[in-house]
Each structure stands twice: as structure tokens, then as C-alpha cells.
Protein backbone atom coordinates (compact mmCIF):
# COMPACT_ATOMS: atom_id res chain seq x y z
CA UNK A 1 234.81 93.85 229.85
CA UNK A 2 234.31 92.18 226.45
CA UNK A 3 232.06 95.04 225.29
CA UNK A 4 234.78 97.51 226.18
CA UNK A 5 237.25 95.61 223.98
CA UNK A 6 234.93 95.36 221.00
CA UNK A 7 234.22 99.10 221.00
CA UNK A 8 237.76 100.14 220.06
CA UNK A 9 237.99 97.29 217.58
CA UNK A 10 234.86 98.45 215.78
CA UNK A 11 236.14 102.00 215.75
CA UNK A 12 239.48 100.83 214.35
CA UNK A 13 237.76 98.79 211.66
CA UNK A 14 235.63 101.73 210.63
CA UNK A 15 238.64 104.04 210.46
CA UNK A 16 240.50 101.47 208.37
CA UNK A 17 237.57 101.09 205.97
CA UNK A 18 237.30 104.86 205.64
CA UNK A 19 241.02 105.09 204.86
CA UNK A 20 240.80 102.39 202.23
CA UNK A 21 237.85 104.16 200.58
CA UNK A 22 239.73 107.45 200.63
CA UNK A 23 242.82 105.86 199.06
CA UNK A 24 240.71 104.20 196.34
CA UNK A 25 238.99 107.50 195.51
CA UNK A 26 242.33 109.20 194.94
CA UNK A 27 243.15 106.94 191.98
CA UNK A 28 243.64 108.19 188.40
CA UNK A 29 240.81 110.22 186.98
CA UNK A 30 238.84 108.67 184.12
CA UNK A 31 240.21 109.46 180.66
CA UNK A 32 238.71 112.47 178.94
CA UNK A 33 237.68 112.27 175.25
CA UNK A 34 240.23 113.78 172.84
CA UNK A 35 239.34 117.16 171.45
CA UNK A 36 239.10 117.29 167.63
CA UNK A 37 242.13 118.89 165.91
CA UNK A 38 241.71 122.52 164.90
CA UNK A 39 240.39 122.99 161.40
CA UNK A 40 242.94 124.17 158.80
CA UNK A 41 242.16 127.57 157.30
CA UNK A 42 240.56 127.32 153.85
CA UNK A 43 242.96 127.47 150.90
CA UNK A 44 242.98 130.80 149.06
CA UNK A 45 241.25 130.75 145.67
CA UNK A 46 243.57 130.17 142.69
CA UNK A 47 244.96 133.28 141.08
CA UNK A 48 243.23 134.20 137.86
CA UNK A 49 245.04 133.23 134.66
CA UNK A 50 243.87 136.35 132.94
CA UNK A 51 246.13 139.37 133.22
CA UNK A 52 246.18 142.70 131.42
CA UNK A 53 248.01 141.11 128.50
CA UNK A 54 246.22 137.77 128.41
CA UNK A 55 247.02 134.67 130.50
CA UNK A 56 249.64 135.19 133.16
CA UNK A 57 252.93 133.63 131.98
CA UNK A 58 253.75 132.54 135.54
CA UNK A 59 250.83 130.12 135.43
CA UNK A 60 251.93 128.50 132.20
CA UNK A 61 254.10 125.40 131.83
CA UNK A 62 257.50 125.68 130.17
CA UNK A 63 258.27 124.05 126.80
CA UNK A 64 258.25 120.26 126.73
CA UNK A 65 262.03 120.05 126.49
CA UNK A 66 264.88 122.19 127.86
CA UNK A 67 266.47 124.85 125.65
CA UNK A 68 269.06 123.55 123.27
CA UNK A 69 267.29 120.24 122.66
CA UNK A 70 265.37 118.98 119.64
CA UNK A 71 261.89 117.44 119.70
CA UNK A 72 261.88 114.96 116.78
CA UNK A 73 259.01 115.49 114.34
CA UNK A 74 256.15 113.03 114.32
CA UNK A 75 256.93 110.42 111.70
CA UNK A 76 253.52 108.90 111.08
CA UNK A 77 250.54 109.89 108.94
CA UNK A 78 247.88 112.11 110.49
CA UNK A 79 244.64 111.96 108.45
CA UNK A 80 243.03 114.80 110.41
CA UNK A 81 246.00 117.09 109.79
CA UNK A 82 246.18 116.05 106.14
CA UNK A 83 242.53 117.00 105.65
CA UNK A 84 243.13 120.38 107.32
CA UNK A 85 246.16 121.05 105.10
CA UNK A 86 244.27 120.19 101.93
CA UNK A 87 241.33 122.37 102.97
CA UNK A 88 243.69 125.29 103.51
CA UNK A 89 245.94 124.87 100.48
CA UNK A 90 243.49 123.77 97.77
CA UNK A 91 239.98 123.99 96.35
CA UNK A 92 238.91 127.54 97.01
CA UNK A 93 239.96 131.20 97.18
CA UNK A 94 243.35 131.84 98.70
CA UNK A 95 242.74 135.15 100.51
CA UNK A 96 243.62 134.61 104.17
CA UNK A 97 241.24 135.51 106.96
CA UNK A 98 242.45 138.20 109.42
CA UNK A 99 242.97 135.52 112.07
CA UNK A 100 245.38 133.63 109.83
CA UNK A 101 247.16 136.39 107.95
CA UNK A 102 250.61 135.55 106.66
CA UNK A 103 253.83 137.51 106.60
CA UNK A 104 253.16 141.12 105.49
CA UNK A 105 256.47 141.05 103.62
CA UNK A 106 255.11 138.67 101.04
CA UNK A 107 257.02 137.50 97.99
CA UNK A 108 255.57 137.79 94.51
CA UNK A 109 254.58 134.13 94.79
CA UNK A 110 252.57 134.84 97.94
CA UNK A 111 250.92 137.87 96.35
CA UNK A 112 249.95 135.79 93.35
CA UNK A 113 248.38 133.19 95.62
CA UNK A 114 246.37 135.90 97.39
CA UNK A 115 244.66 137.00 94.19
CA UNK A 116 244.29 133.69 92.40
CA UNK A 117 242.23 130.58 92.86
CA UNK A 118 243.87 127.61 94.48
CA UNK A 119 244.57 124.71 92.16
CA UNK A 120 243.43 121.25 93.01
CA UNK A 121 245.92 119.08 94.81
CA UNK A 122 246.53 116.79 91.84
CA UNK A 123 247.72 119.73 89.70
CA UNK A 124 250.63 120.87 91.88
CA UNK A 125 252.88 117.82 91.94
CA UNK A 126 254.01 115.82 94.95
CA UNK A 127 253.87 117.47 98.36
CA UNK A 128 255.13 116.32 101.72
CA UNK A 129 254.55 117.62 105.22
CA UNK A 130 256.52 117.62 108.44
CA UNK A 131 254.69 118.19 111.72
CA UNK A 132 255.05 118.32 115.47
CA UNK A 133 252.94 119.17 118.50
CA UNK A 134 253.55 121.38 121.51
CA UNK A 135 251.38 123.22 124.04
CA UNK A 136 251.90 126.81 122.92
CA UNK A 137 249.20 128.51 125.01
CA UNK A 138 249.50 126.39 128.16
CA UNK A 139 245.91 125.15 128.22
CA UNK A 140 246.96 121.49 128.36
CA UNK A 141 246.07 120.81 124.73
CA UNK A 142 248.72 120.46 122.06
CA UNK A 143 248.87 122.79 119.10
CA UNK A 144 249.97 121.31 115.75
CA UNK A 145 252.72 122.92 113.68
CA UNK A 146 253.22 121.70 110.11
CA UNK A 147 255.50 122.60 107.24
CA UNK A 148 254.46 121.68 103.68
CA UNK A 149 257.26 121.26 101.14
CA UNK A 150 257.07 120.91 97.38
CA UNK A 151 257.10 123.01 94.23
CA UNK A 152 253.73 124.61 95.05
CA UNK A 153 254.31 125.09 98.78
CA UNK A 154 257.82 126.57 98.58
CA UNK A 155 259.40 129.58 96.92
CA UNK A 156 262.74 131.34 97.12
CA UNK A 157 261.65 132.89 100.42
CA UNK A 158 260.71 129.64 102.12
CA UNK A 159 257.95 127.04 102.49
CA UNK A 160 254.47 127.01 104.01
CA UNK A 161 254.21 126.92 107.80
CA UNK A 162 250.76 126.36 109.28
CA UNK A 163 249.80 126.36 112.97
CA UNK A 164 246.57 124.76 114.15
CA UNK A 165 244.89 124.44 117.53
CA UNK A 166 242.51 121.75 118.69
CA UNK A 167 238.95 123.09 118.77
CA UNK A 168 236.67 120.38 120.15
CA UNK A 169 238.31 117.68 118.04
CA UNK A 170 238.79 119.68 114.86
CA UNK A 171 241.88 121.60 113.79
CA UNK A 172 241.42 125.37 113.63
CA UNK A 173 243.97 127.42 111.72
CA UNK A 174 245.77 129.93 113.94
CA UNK A 175 248.51 131.20 111.63
CA UNK A 176 250.02 130.66 108.19
CA UNK A 177 253.39 131.84 106.95
CA UNK A 178 254.72 131.24 103.45
CA UNK A 179 258.31 132.18 104.32
CA UNK A 180 259.31 129.36 106.63
CA UNK A 181 263.03 128.82 107.02
CA UNK A 182 264.44 125.88 108.99
CA UNK A 183 264.73 125.38 111.91
CA UNK A 184 261.61 126.47 113.81
CA UNK A 185 262.38 126.99 117.50
CA UNK A 186 260.11 127.63 120.49
CA UNK A 187 261.52 129.94 123.18
CA UNK A 188 260.37 130.80 126.70
CA UNK A 189 259.15 134.33 125.89
CA UNK A 190 255.38 134.78 125.67
CA UNK A 191 252.99 137.23 124.12
CA UNK A 192 249.30 137.10 125.01
CA UNK A 193 250.06 133.87 126.87
CA UNK A 194 251.44 132.05 123.81
CA UNK A 195 255.06 130.96 123.49
CA UNK A 196 257.15 132.81 120.92
CA UNK A 197 258.71 131.05 117.94
CA UNK A 198 261.88 131.93 116.07
CA UNK A 199 263.25 130.98 112.67
CA UNK A 200 265.92 132.28 110.31
CA UNK A 201 264.97 135.29 108.22
CA UNK A 202 265.91 135.54 104.58
CA UNK A 203 266.28 138.31 102.05
CA UNK A 204 265.74 137.09 98.49
CA UNK A 205 266.62 133.59 99.61
CA UNK A 206 269.79 134.53 101.52
CA UNK A 207 269.98 134.19 105.32
CA UNK A 208 269.41 137.50 107.06
CA UNK A 209 269.39 137.03 110.82
CA UNK A 210 266.37 135.81 112.78
CA UNK A 211 262.72 136.72 113.03
CA UNK A 212 260.39 136.03 115.91
CA UNK A 213 256.79 134.94 115.56
CA UNK A 214 254.68 136.56 118.29
CA UNK A 215 251.03 135.90 119.06
CA UNK A 216 248.97 139.10 118.98
CA UNK A 217 245.76 137.65 120.39
CA UNK A 218 244.54 136.29 117.04
CA UNK A 219 247.50 134.99 115.06
CA UNK A 220 251.29 134.84 114.95
CA UNK A 221 252.99 137.92 113.48
CA UNK A 222 256.65 138.04 112.38
CA UNK A 223 258.90 140.57 114.08
CA UNK A 224 262.59 141.14 113.22
CA UNK A 225 264.75 139.87 116.06
CA UNK A 226 268.03 141.72 116.61
CA UNK A 227 270.86 139.27 117.22
CA UNK A 228 274.26 140.33 118.47
CA UNK A 229 277.16 139.42 116.22
CA UNK A 230 278.63 136.05 117.10
CA UNK A 231 275.47 134.80 118.85
CA UNK A 232 272.70 132.52 117.65
CA UNK A 233 269.74 134.25 119.28
CA UNK A 234 267.70 133.25 122.35
CA UNK A 235 267.99 129.60 123.43
CA UNK A 236 265.06 127.41 122.58
CA UNK A 237 263.81 123.97 121.61
CA UNK A 238 263.78 122.97 117.95
CA UNK A 239 260.34 121.76 116.80
CA UNK A 240 260.69 121.52 113.03
CA UNK A 241 263.89 121.17 111.04
CA UNK A 242 264.27 120.45 107.34
CA UNK A 243 267.37 118.29 107.29
CA UNK A 244 269.44 118.09 104.10
CA UNK A 245 267.66 114.99 102.82
CA UNK A 246 266.27 114.08 99.40
CA UNK A 247 262.77 115.42 98.86
CA UNK A 248 261.18 111.97 99.02
CA UNK A 249 262.53 111.52 102.55
CA UNK A 250 261.32 114.83 103.98
CA UNK A 251 258.27 114.21 106.15
CA UNK A 252 255.17 112.36 104.99
CA UNK A 253 253.42 112.44 101.57
CA UNK A 254 250.36 114.68 101.46
CA UNK A 255 247.67 112.63 99.70
CA UNK A 256 245.27 114.41 97.39
CA UNK A 257 242.32 112.25 98.32
CA UNK A 258 239.59 113.23 100.79
């Protein structure tokens, strides 16, 4: 009789154990490792800066200041620039290289300089220079623009404007113009990747509209700029301006020493 009772009890215990094991096996599945995120597609290569007419203007930064503003000239001596100005203006033949040709509409004074020998600095009287820097070609390096004023550097048509670029630490002459009229303005138009410049034009010393300096791949060339009556030309940023000040307060002295 006791064996008959224990049989169902054992069977019940086994069924209960089986149920508990089944319930435990139905628990949450072990966590699966996270799949790595999908790789982003590779970035397209940068668009070439070189277009059919030189560097693409869309890849170039705008002027350093908005149109209508004035970038004050640098009011401190620059020995490297002074040496470059002296090397260009004095002690040697005057004939310009093709890469730095001046205005083709030269005055008699400019024509005389082109056929003569440059005097030494000490023989021309006091000279002063005004300069500024701006990235004209968008390569991240600043070009230097300088105006030299004085009896030797100026005539009835204007004064001497020289534009240099930084070439591995030395200043390389890009353009020279002996008919600079104030102010010199940089505008957003480009030629061959270089920003255009504008300045007043003159005819025998009298104002005669505007002219635009455009880079042709080697130097800046002047081009007459038609301006509608009652307008002042394209908006731009003034880089160099000869204010009505006494000569001794215009820019910095240009020393004659080495």
C-alpha cells in the first residue's frame, strides 16, 4: 500500500521538475553582439582648382573685407619690401621685363625712364611708400601692394604702383604701373584666378573715369572701365589711398641704404 502511494508521488515530482526545467529554458535569449555600423561612402575627391581660364573663381576666398570698406595701410617699416623697392627703382637699367610691364599708355616721363639708367636712390630726393597686403590669387599667401611717392616716383599722370608676390620668402615683382591714381580698390571680379583692381584714370592729370587692372596670367594690365553717369563703378574694398596729407606724413620713408 505504501509503494502504491509513492509511485504517483514520484511521478508528480518528476513532472514538476520537468515543468520547472521547461519554464527556465524559455527565459530571455542571451544578448547578441552588436553589428558594426555601416561604413560611410568615401568622400569624392576635391574639384580641381584649374579651369580653362586658370583657377576656378568658385574655389577662391572673397576679399578680406566687404565691399565699401577700407583696409587701412600698414603703418610700420618693412625692410624686405624696402629692399625690393630699391632694387626695382634704382641701380640698374629701367627696361621692364615682360612679366612686369607697365601701362602701355606711358607718359613722357615713363618713356624716359625706359630708355635711361636709373639714378641711385640718394640722387632723387626723399621718397615715401604706402603699402598693404591682400590675397589676390587665393593661394593663402598675401600679395604686397605698394605705392611710392616723391618727385622721382610721381609725374602728372600718377605715382609708382608695384605689386609683389611671396616666392619662398622673397618678394617677386608681378606688376608695375607708373600712373597710379588714388584710391586703389579690389573688386570681386577675377581674371586668371586673380582679383581685379580698379583706380581712377586720368588724362593729362585730369580725372577721366576708371580703369581696371586685370591679371593676364603674367602681370596686371590696365583696361578702360566704362562707368555709367552718376555711378562710382563696381563696389570694392579700398586697399591704398593717398589722403590729402603733407608729403612727410604719407606712408613710410624709403631709406637709401641696403
